[in-house]
Amino acid sequence: MPVNRNALIRYRTIDNCLRNRFRQWTLDDLIDACSEALYEYEGIDKGVSKRTVQMDIQMMRSDKLGYNAPIVVVDKKYYTYEDSEYSITNIPLTDQDLLKLNEVVEILKQFKGFTHFQELSGMVQKLEDKIHTAKTDQTSVIDFEKNENLRGLEHLDIIYEAILKKTSLEVTYQSFRARKANTFILFPYLLKEYRNRWFVLGRQRGFPTITTLALDRIQEVAKSYEPYEETEIDMSNFFKNVIGVTVNAGQAPIRVVLKIDRRSAPYVITKPMHHTQQVIEKGEEGITISLDVQHNFELEREILGFGETMIVLEPEFLRTRIQNRLKYNLKLYGEGEQESD
């Protein structure tokens, strides 16, 4: 049963009152305590009605929320717990509660790397301990893609803060193709995750175009006192014409037509390769789809990832590139067989 925040505040307030055995609590006392709590936590200065508190007590007594609170009335006037050790905060967790907590823990773990969310660490540990204590044989029912050995996560915090506060950074970066690292001033605009790798998009000082840097290739990053330069580019739509993170500025999207056999067709239908995907033809042998995307490395890798179940029909230059890459790959396999012989 859904419970709103105000009701939870009243339940907790009534619980705190009834746990206090050094005072006798009348209904009016509970009404005043709930009114004060709502004013303190929510800024609500309208007093709580008598009927509301009576309904709250009735709800706490019931099993609708799992409380089953042993609330009794002494001398037909004073409310208290029959069990002096009882509290609604001590009720055991149900299997459904444990299931939800497991999901919450796994979701919170995805913020690993952001020290802005360090306060979540203690919360996660407490939740995990609570789950383990309540039911030691409980296993996680949700498993996110993650790479515990991924480099560069230590840079997330400073980059995230720089984007929020619009400050520049001094970055030492070495791409996979570069022989040595290069140091430059970066104006960061956006953090993006793709296939469990993190990237920062920004503009290098002195260059007009947006650059994409992989965090695992950043050697050092520090705050810079260089004036921050904003961009007029709409970063929310920056990736709308691409698969992946490689955007070629000024390049118009092309129409890509792909034929997928019946083995991979269900996967492509249920998980489209791009938001522009359209099914052109559908039959017993498979489907033919079209995409309107830029040509980039990730597009080719996506196509090659489907192996023999996907064929490029258009455009011709992309079809030729995929053919050549497959031929070269076959050649390597052939050379390997000859060496083994």
C-alpha atoms as a PDB file:
ATOM      1  CA  MET A   1       0.000   0.000   0.000  1.00  0.00           C
ATOM      2  CA  PRO A   2       1.509   3.344  -1.023  1.00  0.00           C
ATOM      3  CA  VAL A   3       2.234   5.677   1.899  1.00  0.00           C
ATOM      4  CA  ASN A   4       2.953   9.368   1.424  1.00  0.00           C
ATOM      5  CA  ARG A   5       5.765  11.206   3.141  1.00  0.00           C
ATOM      6  CA  ASN A   6       3.519  13.082   5.581  1.00  0.00           C
ATOM      7  CA  ALA A   7       1.944   9.844   6.782  1.00  0.00           C
ATOM      8  CA  LEU A   8       5.387   8.310   7.349  1.00  0.00           C
ATOM      9  CA  ILE A   9       6.401  11.344   9.405  1.00  0.00           C
ATOM     10  CA  ARG A  10       3.263  10.946  11.553  1.00  0.00           C
ATOM     11  CA  TYR A  11       3.847   7.214  12.029  1.00  0.00           C
ATOM     12  CA  ARG A  12       7.437   7.802  13.079  1.00  0.00           C
ATOM     13  CA  THR A  13       6.382  10.597  15.436  1.00  0.00           C
ATOM     14  CA  ILE A  14       3.685   8.479  17.095  1.00  0.00           C
ATOM     15  CA  ASP A  15       6.201   5.645  17.392  1.00  0.00           C
ATOM     16  CA  ASN A  16       8.742   7.906  19.107  1.00  0.00           C
ATOM     17  CA  CYS A  17       6.107   9.157  21.521  1.00  0.00           C
ATOM     18  CA  LEU A  18       4.829   5.726  22.491  1.00  0.00           C
ATOM     19  CA  ARG A  19       8.374   4.441  23.002  1.00  0.00           C
ATOM     20  CA  ASN A  20       8.908   7.191  25.584  1.00  0.00           C
ATOM     21  CA  ARG A  21       7.686   5.447  28.770  1.00  0.00           C
ATOM     22  CA  PHE A  22       8.535   8.434  30.989  1.00  0.00           C
ATOM     23  CA  ARG A  23       5.472  10.307  29.820  1.00  0.00           C
ATOM     24  CA  GLN A  24       1.816   9.524  29.409  1.00  0.00           C
ATOM     25  CA  TRP A  25       0.417  10.341  25.969  1.00  0.00           C
ATOM     26  CA  THR A  26      -3.131  11.446  25.381  1.00  0.00           C
ATOM     27  CA  LEU A  27      -4.636  11.687  21.912  1.00  0.00           C
ATOM     28  CA  ASP A  28      -4.270  15.461  22.045  1.00  0.00           C
ATOM     29  CA  ASP A  29      -0.568  15.053  22.920  1.00  0.00           C
ATOM     30  CA  LEU A  30      -0.058  12.844  19.858  1.00  0.00           C
ATOM     31  CA  ILE A  31      -1.921  15.338  17.674  1.00  0.00           C
ATOM     32  CA  ASP A  32       0.336  18.168  18.882  1.00  0.00           C
ATOM     33  CA  ALA A  33       3.484  16.087  18.368  1.00  0.00           C
ATOM     34  CA  CYS A  34       2.469  15.179  14.781  1.00  0.00           C
ATOM     35  CA  SER A  35       1.620  18.795  13.988  1.00  0.00           C
ATOM     36  CA  GLU A  36       4.999  19.974  15.270  1.00  0.00           C
ATOM     37  CA  ALA A  37       6.842  17.279  13.303  1.00  0.00           C
ATOM     38  CA  LEU A  38       5.116  18.185  10.041  1.00  0.00           C
ATOM     39  CA  TYR A  39       5.926  21.844  10.594  1.00  0.00           C
ATOM     40  CA  GLU A  40       9.569  21.033  11.363  1.00  0.00           C
ATOM     41  CA  TYR A  41      10.177  18.656   8.464  1.00  0.00           C
ATOM     42  CA  GLU A  42       7.751  19.882   5.812  1.00  0.00           C
ATOM     43  CA  GLY A  43       6.928  23.455   6.810  1.00  0.00           C
ATOM     44  CA  ILE A  44       3.222  22.580   7.135  1.00  0.00           C
ATOM     45  CA  ASP A  45       1.687  24.898   9.729  1.00  0.00           C
ATOM     46  CA  LYS A  46      -1.817  23.466   9.456  1.00  0.00           C
ATOM     47  CA  GLY A  47      -2.534  21.319  12.483  1.00  0.00           C
ATOM     48  CA  VAL A  48      -3.215  17.618  12.147  1.00  0.00           C
ATOM     49  CA  SER A  49      -6.827  16.646  12.688  1.00  0.00           C
ATOM     50  CA  LYS A  50      -8.032  14.303  15.419  1.00  0.00           C
ATOM     51  CA  ARG A  51      -9.469  11.927  12.832  1.00  0.00           C
ATOM     52  CA  THR A  52      -6.128  11.740  10.972  1.00  0.00           C
ATOM     53  CA  VAL A  53      -4.212  10.641  14.074  1.00  0.00           C
ATOM     54  CA  GLN A  54      -6.931   8.141  14.985  1.00  0.00           C
ATOM     55  CA  MET A  55      -6.709   6.655  11.490  1.00  0.00           C
ATOM     56  CA  ASP A  56      -2.891   6.579  11.806  1.00  0.00           C
ATOM     57  CA  ILE A  57      -3.140   4.590  15.037  1.00  0.00           C
ATOM     58  CA  GLN A  58      -5.590   2.220  13.414  1.00  0.00           C
ATOM     59  CA  MET A  59      -3.250   1.766  10.433  1.00  0.00           C
ATOM     60  CA  MET A  60      -0.273   1.109  12.713  1.00  0.00           C
ATOM     61  CA  ARG A  61      -2.257  -1.499  14.628  1.00  0.00           C
ATOM     62  CA  SER A  62      -3.178  -3.337  11.428  1.00  0.00           C
ATOM     63  CA  ASP A  63      -0.985  -5.573   9.262  1.00  0.00           C
ATOM     64  CA  LYS A  64      -1.498  -3.466   6.127  1.00  0.00           C
ATOM     65  CA  LEU A  65       1.973  -1.951   6.497  1.00  0.00           C
ATOM     66  CA  GLY A  66       3.398  -4.891   8.397  1.00  0.00           C
ATOM     67  CA  TYR A  67       3.500  -2.956  11.687  1.00  0.00           C
ATOM     68  CA  ASN A  68       0.937  -4.839  13.816  1.00  0.00           C
ATOM     69  CA  ALA A  69       1.757  -2.283  16.498  1.00  0.00           C
ATOM     70  CA  PRO A  70       0.572  -3.351  20.006  1.00  0.00           C
ATOM     71  CA  ILE A  71      -0.970   0.036  20.823  1.00  0.00           C
ATOM     72  CA  VAL A  72      -3.200  -0.007  23.891  1.00  0.00           C
ATOM     73  CA  VAL A  73      -5.143   2.639  25.827  1.00  0.00           C
ATOM     74  CA  VAL A  74      -4.528   2.826  29.555  1.00  0.00           C
ATOM     75  CA  ASP A  75      -7.249   4.208  31.842  1.00  0.00           C
ATOM     76  CA  LYS A  76      -9.271   4.968  28.685  1.00  0.00           C
ATOM     77  CA  LYS A  77      -7.024   7.985  28.135  1.00  0.00           C
ATOM     78  CA  TYR A  78      -3.301   7.297  27.677  1.00  0.00           C
ATOM     79  CA  TYR A  79      -1.789   5.601  24.607  1.00  0.00           C
ATOM     80  CA  THR A  80       1.256   3.349  24.899  1.00  0.00           C
ATOM     81  CA  TYR A  81       2.854   0.175  23.548  1.00  0.00           C
ATOM     82  CA  GLU A  82       1.866  -2.985  25.414  1.00  0.00           C
ATOM     83  CA  ASP A  83       5.335  -4.320  24.575  1.00  0.00           C
ATOM     84  CA  SER A  84       7.891  -1.852  25.929  1.00  0.00           C
ATOM     85  CA  GLU A  85      10.516  -3.122  23.439  1.00  0.00           C
ATOM     86  CA  TYR A  86       8.351  -2.610  20.363  1.00  0.00           C
ATOM     87  CA  SER A  87       9.067  -0.071  17.620  1.00  0.00           C
ATOM     88  CA  ILE A  88       7.927   0.113  14.013  1.00  0.00           C
ATOM     89  CA  THR A  89      11.624   0.447  13.125  1.00  0.00           C
ATOM     90  CA  ASN A  90      12.279  -3.063  14.464  1.00  0.00           C
ATOM     91  CA  ILE A  91       9.821  -4.965  12.306  1.00  0.00           C
ATOM     92  CA  PRO A  92      11.442  -7.841  10.359  1.00  0.00           C
ATOM     93  CA  LEU A  93      12.092  -7.493   6.650  1.00  0.00           C
ATOM     94  CA  THR A  94       9.888  -9.457   4.297  1.00  0.00           C
ATOM     95  CA  ASP A  95      11.189 -11.315   1.235  1.00  0.00           C
ATOM     96  CA  GLN A  96       9.774  -8.524  -0.901  1.00  0.00           C
ATOM     97  CA  ASP A  97      11.615  -5.932   1.214  1.00  0.00           C
ATOM     98  CA  LEU A  98      14.876  -7.856   0.773  1.00  0.00           C
ATOM     99  CA  LEU A  99      14.321  -8.066  -2.974  1.00  0.00           C
ATOM    100  CA  LYS A 100      13.807  -4.317  -3.244  1.00  0.00           C
ATOM    101  CA  LEU A 101      16.800  -3.580  -1.010  1.00  0.00           C
ATOM    102  CA  ASN A 102      19.020  -5.761  -3.173  1.00  0.00           C
ATOM    103  CA  GLU A 103      17.952  -3.803  -6.240  1.00  0.00           C
ATOM    104  CA  VAL A 104      18.576  -0.476  -4.495  1.00  0.00           C
ATOM    105  CA  VAL A 105      22.051  -1.573  -3.396  1.00  0.00           C
ATOM    106  CA  GLU A 106      23.029  -2.588  -6.927  1.00  0.00           C
ATOM    107  CA  ILE A 107      21.745   0.695  -8.355  1.00  0.00           C
ATOM    108  CA  LEU A 108      23.604   2.785  -5.762  1.00  0.00           C
ATOM    109  CA  LYS A 109      26.816   0.907  -6.535  1.00  0.00           C
ATOM    110  CA  GLN A 110      26.751   2.362 -10.050  1.00  0.00           C
ATOM    111  CA  PHE A 111      27.736   5.734  -8.581  1.00  0.00           C
ATOM    112  CA  LYS A 112      31.141   4.319  -7.651  1.00  0.00           C
ATOM    113  CA  GLY A 113      33.836   6.789  -8.683  1.00  0.00           C
ATOM    114  CA  PHE A 114      31.902   9.943  -7.817  1.00  0.00           C
ATOM    115  CA  THR A 115      33.067  11.265  -4.454  1.00  0.00           C
ATOM    116  CA  HIS A 116      30.067  13.614  -4.587  1.00  0.00           C
ATOM    117  CA  PHE A 117      28.106  10.487  -3.670  1.00  0.00           C
ATOM    118  CA  GLN A 118      30.487   9.263  -0.983  1.00  0.00           C
ATOM    119  CA  GLU A 119      27.749   9.557   1.596  1.00  0.00           C
ATOM    120  CA  LEU A 120      26.064   6.702  -0.253  1.00  0.00           C
ATOM    121  CA  SER A 121      28.920   4.358   0.636  1.00  0.00           C
ATOM    122  CA  GLY A 122      27.876   4.075   4.269  1.00  0.00           C
ATOM    123  CA  MET A 123      24.263   3.690   3.248  1.00  0.00           C
ATOM    124  CA  VAL A 124      25.113   0.887   0.834  1.00  0.00           C
ATOM    125  CA  GLN A 125      27.158  -0.943   3.466  1.00  0.00           C
ATOM    126  CA  LYS A 126      24.365  -0.623   6.010  1.00  0.00           C
ATOM    127  CA  LEU A 127      21.824  -1.912   3.519  1.00  0.00           C
ATOM    128  CA  GLU A 128      24.036  -4.839   2.570  1.00  0.00           C
ATOM    129  CA  ASP A 129      24.590  -5.662   6.240  1.00  0.00           C
ATOM    130  CA  LYS A 130      20.858  -5.433   6.918  1.00  0.00           C
ATOM    131  CA  ILE A 131      20.106  -7.771   4.041  1.00  0.00           C
ATOM    132  CA  HIS A 132      22.806 -10.224   5.103  1.00  0.00           C
ATOM    133  CA  THR A 133      21.639 -10.198   8.718  1.00  0.00           C
ATOM    134  CA  ALA A 134      17.998 -10.634   7.786  1.00  0.00           C
ATOM    135  CA  LYS A 135      18.561 -13.424   5.309  1.00  0.00           C
ATOM    136  CA  THR A 136      22.074 -14.696   4.726  1.00  0.00           C
ATOM    137  CA  ASP A 137      21.110 -16.879   1.806  1.00  0.00           C
ATOM    138  CA  GLN A 138      19.631 -13.951  -0.149  1.00  0.00           C
ATOM    139  CA  THR A 139      21.309 -13.586  -3.544  1.00  0.00           C
ATOM    140  CA  SER A 140      21.190 -10.566  -5.828  1.00  0.00           C
ATOM    141  CA  VAL A 141      18.537 -10.673  -8.526  1.00  0.00           C
ATOM    142  CA  ILE A 142      19.958  -7.761 -10.496  1.00  0.00           C
ATOM    143  CA  ASP A 143      23.429  -7.644 -12.018  1.00  0.00           C
ATOM    144  CA  PHE A 144      24.642  -4.518 -13.800  1.00  0.00           C
ATOM    145  CA  GLU A 145      27.412  -4.535 -16.354  1.00  0.00           C
ATOM    146  CA  LYS A 146      30.562  -3.387 -14.608  1.00  0.00           C
ATOM    147  CA  ASN A 147      34.325  -3.566 -14.814  1.00  0.00           C
ATOM    148  CA  GLU A 148      36.014  -3.384 -11.429  1.00  0.00           C
ATOM    149  CA  ASN A 149      39.451  -2.911 -13.032  1.00  0.00           C
ATOM    150  CA  LEU A 150      38.416  -0.025 -15.270  1.00  0.00           C
ATOM    151  CA  ARG A 151      40.943   2.803 -15.193  1.00  0.00           C
ATOM    152  CA  GLY A 152      40.063   6.487 -15.082  1.00  0.00           C
ATOM    153  CA  LEU A 153      37.197   6.372 -12.596  1.00  0.00           C
ATOM    154  CA  GLU A 154      39.308   8.403 -10.192  1.00  0.00           C
ATOM    155  CA  HIS A 155      38.967  11.353 -12.584  1.00  0.00           C
ATOM    156  CA  LEU A 156      35.174  11.373 -12.554  1.00  0.00           C
ATOM    157  CA  ASP A 157      34.880  13.598  -9.517  1.00  0.00           C
ATOM    158  CA  ILE A 158      37.030  16.507 -10.641  1.00  0.00           C
ATOM    159  CA  ILE A 159      35.563  16.467 -14.170  1.00  0.00           C
ATOM    160  CA  TYR A 160      32.004  16.282 -12.872  1.00  0.00           C
ATOM    161  CA  GLU A 161      32.633  19.239 -10.564  1.00  0.00           C
ATOM    162  CA  ALA A 162      34.278  21.244 -13.364  1.00  0.00           C
ATOM    163  CA  ILE A 163      31.257  20.744 -15.628  1.00  0.00           C
ATOM    164  CA  LEU A 164      28.854  21.798 -12.874  1.00  0.00           C
ATOM    165  CA  LYS A 165      30.861  24.866 -11.862  1.00  0.00           C
ATOM    166  CA  LYS A 166      31.971  25.669 -15.442  1.00  0.00           C
ATOM    167  CA  THR A 167      35.679  25.703 -14.750  1.00  0.00           C
ATOM    168  CA  SER A 168      38.533  24.675 -17.040  1.00  0.00           C
ATOM    169  CA  LEU A 169      40.876  21.727 -16.548  1.00  0.00           C
ATOM    170  CA  GLU A 170      44.499  20.964 -17.316  1.00  0.00           C
ATOM    171  CA  VAL A 171      44.587  17.474 -18.805  1.00  0.00           C
ATOM    172  CA  THR A 172      47.490  15.189 -19.647  1.00  0.00           C
ATOM    173  CA  TYR A 173      46.231  12.702 -22.203  1.00  0.00           C
ATOM    174  CA  GLN A 174      47.680   9.950 -24.364  1.00  0.00           C
ATOM    175  CA  SER A 175      45.464   8.314 -26.963  1.00  0.00           C
ATOM    176  CA  PHE A 176      46.093   4.759 -28.117  1.00  0.00           C
ATOM    177  CA  ARG A 177      47.643   6.074 -31.327  1.00  0.00           C
ATOM    178  CA  ALA A 178      49.911   8.718 -29.754  1.00  0.00           C
ATOM    179  CA  ARG A 179      53.535   7.928 -28.952  1.00  0.00           C
ATOM    180  CA  LYS A 180      53.597  10.284 -25.982  1.00  0.00           C
ATOM    181  CA  ALA A 181      51.188  12.168 -23.767  1.00  0.00           C
ATOM    182  CA  ASN A 182      50.036  15.703 -24.476  1.00  0.00           C
ATOM    183  CA  THR A 183      49.020  18.347 -21.930  1.00  0.00           C
ATOM    184  CA  PHE A 184      46.368  20.947 -22.749  1.00  0.00           C
ATOM    185  CA  ILE A 185      43.561  23.074 -21.321  1.00  0.00           C
ATOM    186  CA  LEU A 186      40.110  21.540 -21.628  1.00  0.00           C
ATOM    187  CA  PHE A 187      36.706  23.170 -21.265  1.00  0.00           C
ATOM    188  CA  PRO A 188      34.526  20.180 -20.244  1.00  0.00           C
ATOM    189  CA  TYR A 189      30.827  20.059 -21.182  1.00  0.00           C
ATOM    190  CA  LEU A 190      29.533  16.521 -20.751  1.00  0.00           C
ATOM    191  CA  LEU A 191      30.325  13.141 -19.194  1.00  0.00           C
ATOM    192  CA  LYS A 192      29.122  10.093 -21.113  1.00  0.00           C
ATOM    193  CA  GLU A 193      29.215   6.370 -20.459  1.00  0.00           C
ATOM    194  CA  TYR A 194      29.294   3.952 -23.382  1.00  0.00           C
ATOM    195  CA  ARG A 195      29.752   0.214 -23.007  1.00  0.00           C
ATOM    196  CA  ASN A 196      30.997   0.615 -19.458  1.00  0.00           C
ATOM    197  CA  ARG A 197      33.684   3.152 -20.443  1.00  0.00           C
ATOM    198  CA  TRP A 198      33.539   6.802 -19.430  1.00  0.00           C
ATOM    199  CA  PHE A 199      34.239   9.734 -21.750  1.00  0.00           C
ATOM    200  CA  VAL A 200      34.379  13.483 -21.297  1.00  0.00           C
ATOM    201  CA  LEU A 201      33.333  15.796 -24.099  1.00  0.00           C
ATOM    202  CA  GLY A 202      34.790  19.252 -24.247  1.00  0.00           C
ATOM    203  CA  ARG A 203      36.826  21.662 -26.303  1.00  0.00           C
ATOM    204  CA  GLN A 204      40.568  22.134 -26.180  1.00  0.00           C
ATOM    205  CA  ARG A 205      41.724  25.701 -25.846  1.00  0.00           C
ATOM    206  CA  GLY A 206      42.472  27.095 -29.287  1.00  0.00           C
ATOM    207  CA  PHE A 207      40.356  24.524 -31.156  1.00  0.00           C
ATOM    208  CA  PRO A 208      36.770  25.137 -32.312  1.00  0.00           C
ATOM    209  CA  THR A 209      35.546  21.521 -32.429  1.00  0.00           C
ATOM    210  CA  ILE A 210      34.353  19.214 -29.667  1.00  0.00           C
ATOM    211  CA  THR A 211      36.781  16.505 -28.620  1.00  0.00           C
ATOM    212  CA  THR A 212      35.964  13.213 -26.918  1.00  0.00           C
ATOM    213  CA  LEU A 213      38.448  11.910 -24.362  1.00  0.00           C
ATOM    214  CA  ALA A 214      38.370   8.459 -22.784  1.00  0.00           C
ATOM    215  CA  LEU A 215      38.906   8.722 -19.044  1.00  0.00           C
ATOM    216  CA  ASP A 216      41.073   5.593 -19.030  1.00  0.00           C
ATOM    217  CA  ARG A 217      43.581   7.416 -21.285  1.00  0.00           C
ATOM    218  CA  ILE A 218      43.844  10.455 -19.004  1.00  0.00           C
ATOM    219  CA  GLN A 219      47.106  10.375 -17.091  1.00  0.00           C
ATOM    220  CA  GLU A 220      46.580  13.505 -15.015  1.00  0.00           C
ATOM    221  CA  VAL A 221      43.835  16.068 -14.592  1.00  0.00           C
ATOM    222  CA  ALA A 222      43.836  19.186 -12.421  1.00  0.00           C
ATOM    223  CA  LYS A 223      41.866  22.374 -11.980  1.00  0.00           C
ATOM    224  CA  SER A 224      42.984  25.246 -14.168  1.00  0.00           C
ATOM    225  CA  TYR A 225      42.607  28.971 -13.620  1.00  0.00           C
ATOM    226  CA  GLU A 226      42.204  29.616 -17.335  1.00  0.00           C
ATOM    227  CA  PRO A 227      38.894  31.389 -18.113  1.00  0.00           C
ATOM    228  CA  TYR A 228      36.179  28.894 -18.960  1.00  0.00           C
ATOM    229  CA  GLU A 229      34.726  29.079 -22.457  1.00  0.00           C
ATOM    230  CA  GLU A 230      31.205  27.811 -22.975  1.00  0.00           C
ATOM    231  CA  THR A 231      29.816  26.211 -26.108  1.00  0.00           C
ATOM    232  CA  GLU A 232      26.753  27.002 -28.183  1.00  0.00           C
ATOM    233  CA  ILE A 233      26.421  23.342 -29.182  1.00  0.00           C
ATOM    234  CA  ASP A 234      23.386  21.552 -27.773  1.00  0.00           C
ATOM    235  CA  MET A 235      25.125  18.713 -25.935  1.00  0.00           C
ATOM    236  CA  SER A 236      21.818  16.947 -25.237  1.00  0.00           C
ATOM    237  CA  ASN A 237      21.498  16.222 -28.986  1.00  0.00           C
ATOM    238  CA  PHE A 238      25.194  15.811 -29.719  1.00  0.00           C
ATOM    239  CA  PHE A 239      24.975  12.033 -30.198  1.00  0.00           C
ATOM    240  CA  LYS A 240      21.621  11.838 -31.966  1.00  0.00           C
ATOM    241  CA  ASN A 241      23.160  10.886 -35.347  1.00  0.00           C
ATOM    242  CA  VAL A 242      25.706   8.330 -34.178  1.00  0.00           C
ATOM    243  CA  ILE A 243      26.139   4.901 -32.694  1.00  0.00           C
ATOM    244  CA  GLY A 244      28.732   5.154 -29.939  1.00  0.00           C
ATOM    245  CA  VAL A 245      30.739   8.243 -28.992  1.00  0.00           C
ATOM    246  CA  THR A 246      32.632   9.193 -32.175  1.00  0.00           C
ATOM    247  CA  VAL A 247      30.986  12.268 -33.704  1.00  0.00           C
ATOM    248  CA  ASN A 248      32.383  13.752 -36.902  1.00  0.00           C
ATOM    249  CA  ALA A 249      31.564  17.452 -36.853  1.00  0.00           C
ATOM    250  CA  GLY A 250      29.787  18.656 -39.983  1.00  0.00           C
ATOM    251  CA  GLN A 251      29.259  15.146 -41.339  1.00  0.00           C
ATOM    252  CA  ALA A 252      25.695  14.441 -42.403  1.00  0.00           C
ATOM    253  CA  PRO A 253      24.143  11.083 -41.501  1.00  0.00           C
ATOM    254  CA  ILE A 254      23.973   8.464 -44.241  1.00  0.00           C
ATOM    255  CA  ARG A 255      21.300   5.877 -44.965  1.00  0.00           C
ATOM    256  CA  VAL A 256      22.573   2.447 -44.017  1.00  0.00           C
ATOM    257  CA  VAL A 257      20.584  -0.581 -45.159  1.00  0.00           C
ATOM    258  CA  LEU A 258      21.278  -3.884 -43.433  1.00  0.00           C
ATOM    259  CA  LYS A 259      19.982  -7.399 -44.029  1.00  0.00           C
ATOM    260  CA  ILE A 260      19.739  -9.557 -40.906  1.00  0.00           C
ATOM    261  CA  ASP A 261      18.977 -13.260 -40.970  1.00  0.00           C
ATOM    262  CA  ARG A 262      16.372 -14.864 -38.769  1.00  0.00           C
ATOM    263  CA  ARG A 263      18.908 -15.803 -36.092  1.00  0.00           C
ATOM    264  CA  SER A 264      19.714 -12.201 -35.169  1.00  0.00           C
ATOM    265  CA  ALA A 265      16.504 -10.517 -36.343  1.00  0.00           C
ATOM    266  CA  PRO A 266      14.707 -10.832 -32.961  1.00  0.00           C
ATOM    267  CA  TYR A 267      17.629  -9.164 -31.159  1.00  0.00           C
ATOM    268  CA  VAL A 268      17.727  -6.231 -33.587  1.00  0.00           C
ATOM    269  CA  ILE A 269      13.963  -5.795 -33.410  1.00  0.00           C
ATOM    270  CA  THR A 270      13.769  -5.850 -29.610  1.00  0.00           C
ATOM    271  CA  LYS A 271      16.949  -3.815 -29.136  1.00  0.00           C
ATOM    272  CA  PRO A 272      17.252  -1.344 -32.041  1.00  0.00           C
ATOM    273  CA  MET A 273      20.747  -0.387 -33.113  1.00  0.00           C
ATOM    274  CA  HIS A 274      19.722   3.296 -33.274  1.00  0.00           C
ATOM    275  CA  HIS A 275      16.608   5.371 -32.693  1.00  0.00           C
ATOM    276  CA  THR A 276      16.264   5.916 -36.472  1.00  0.00           C
ATOM    277  CA  GLN A 277      16.004   2.183 -37.147  1.00  0.00           C
ATOM    278  CA  GLN A 278      13.140   1.186 -39.433  1.00  0.00           C
ATOM    279  CA  VAL A 279      12.147  -2.237 -40.693  1.00  0.00           C
ATOM    280  CA  ILE A 280      11.967  -2.087 -44.511  1.00  0.00           C
ATOM    281  CA  GLU A 281      11.205  -5.727 -45.173  1.00  0.00           C
ATOM    282  CA  LYS A 282      10.273  -8.678 -43.021  1.00  0.00           C
ATOM    283  CA  GLY A 283      10.115 -12.315 -44.035  1.00  0.00           C
ATOM    284  CA  GLU A 284      10.757 -15.881 -42.964  1.00  0.00           C
ATOM    285  CA  GLU A 285      14.471 -15.598 -43.713  1.00  0.00           C
ATOM    286  CA  GLY A 286      14.959 -12.421 -41.703  1.00  0.00           C
ATOM    287  CA  ILE A 287      14.533  -8.662 -41.947  1.00  0.00           C
ATOM    288  CA  THR A 288      15.965  -5.659 -43.764  1.00  0.00           C
ATOM    289  CA  ILE A 289      16.375  -2.436 -41.791  1.00  0.00           C
ATOM    290  CA  SER A 290      17.591   1.095 -42.405  1.00  0.00           C
ATOM    291  CA  LEU A 291      19.508   3.477 -40.164  1.00  0.00           C
ATOM    292  CA  ASP A 292      20.240   7.184 -40.582  1.00  0.00           C
ATOM    293  CA  VAL A 293      23.607   7.560 -38.869  1.00  0.00           C
ATOM    294  CA  GLN A 294      27.089   8.943 -39.338  1.00  0.00           C
ATOM    295  CA  HIS A 295      29.754   6.563 -40.526  1.00  0.00           C
ATOM    296  CA  ASN A 296      32.155   5.925 -37.663  1.00  0.00           C
ATOM    297  CA  PHE A 297      34.233   3.209 -36.016  1.00  0.00           C
ATOM    298  CA  GLU A 298      31.450   2.124 -33.666  1.00  0.00           C
ATOM    299  CA  LEU A 299      29.022   1.585 -36.563  1.00  0.00           C
ATOM    300  CA  GLU A 300      31.446  -0.789 -38.258  1.00  0.00           C
ATOM    301  CA  ARG A 301      32.178  -2.584 -35.013  1.00  0.00           C
ATOM    302  CA  GLU A 302      28.461  -3.018 -34.357  1.00  0.00           C
ATOM    303  CA  ILE A 303      27.948  -4.538 -37.809  1.00  0.00           C
ATOM    304  CA  LEU A 304      30.958  -6.820 -37.510  1.00  0.00           C
ATOM    305  CA  GLY A 305      29.737  -7.916 -34.100  1.00  0.00           C
ATOM    306  CA  PHE A 306      26.785  -9.670 -35.720  1.00  0.00           C
ATOM    307  CA  GLY A 307      29.179 -11.739 -37.844  1.00  0.00           C
ATOM    308  CA  GLU A 308      27.678 -13.744 -40.681  1.00  0.00           C
ATOM    309  CA  THR A 309      24.105 -12.883 -39.603  1.00  0.00           C
ATOM    310  CA  MET A 310      24.265  -9.285 -40.883  1.00  0.00           C
ATOM    311  CA  ILE A 311      25.060  -7.979 -44.386  1.00  0.00           C
ATOM    312  CA  VAL A 312      25.464  -4.378 -45.535  1.00  0.00           C
ATOM    313  CA  LEU A 313      23.364  -3.617 -48.620  1.00  0.00           C
ATOM    314  CA  GLU A 314      23.852   0.173 -48.730  1.00  0.00           C
ATOM    315  CA  PRO A 315      25.857   2.335 -49.112  1.00  0.00           C
ATOM    316  CA  GLU A 316      28.361   0.680 -51.393  1.00  0.00           C
ATOM    317  CA  PHE A 317      31.463   2.190 -49.765  1.00  0.00           C
ATOM    318  CA  LEU A 318      30.460   0.805 -46.353  1.00  0.00           C
ATOM    319  CA  ARG A 319      29.675  -2.591 -47.877  1.00  0.00           C
ATOM    320  CA  THR A 320      33.163  -2.615 -49.435  1.00  0.00           C
ATOM    321  CA  ARG A 321      34.834  -1.612 -46.158  1.00  0.00           C
ATOM    322  CA  ILE A 322      33.136  -4.414 -44.246  1.00  0.00           C
ATOM    323  CA  GLN A 323      34.016  -6.891 -47.008  1.00  0.00           C
ATOM    324  CA  ASN A 324      37.676  -5.842 -46.925  1.00  0.00           C
ATOM    325  CA  ARG A 325      37.850  -6.121 -43.157  1.00  0.00           C
ATOM    326  CA  LEU A 326      36.325  -9.590 -43.265  1.00  0.00           C
ATOM    327  CA  LYS A 327      38.713 -10.662 -46.048  1.00  0.00           C
ATOM    328  CA  TYR A 328      41.675  -9.434 -44.024  1.00  0.00           C
ATOM    329  CA  ASN A 329      40.370 -11.279 -40.996  1.00  0.00           C
ATOM    330  CA  LEU A 330      40.020 -14.485 -43.014  1.00  0.00           C
ATOM    331  CA  LYS A 331      43.541 -13.999 -44.289  1.00  0.00           C
ATOM    332  CA  LEU A 332      44.821 -13.802 -40.719  1.00  0.00           C
ATOM    333  CA  TYR A 333      42.985 -17.011 -39.856  1.00  0.00           C
ATOM    334  CA  GLY A 334      44.495 -18.647 -42.933  1.00  0.00           C
ATOM    335  CA  GLU A 335      48.010 -17.566 -41.951  1.00  0.00           C
ATOM    336  CA  GLY A 336      47.437 -18.937 -38.474  1.00  0.00           C
ATOM    337  CA  GLU A 337      46.443 -22.336 -39.858  1.00  0.00           C
ATOM    338  CA  GLN A 338      49.554 -22.468 -42.040  1.00  0.00           C
ATOM    339  CA  GLU A 339      51.800 -21.652 -39.080  1.00  0.00           C
ATOM    340  CA  SER A 340      50.165 -24.353 -36.977  1.00  0.00           C
ATOM    341  CA  ASP A 341      50.721 -26.903 -39.749  1.00  0.00           C
END
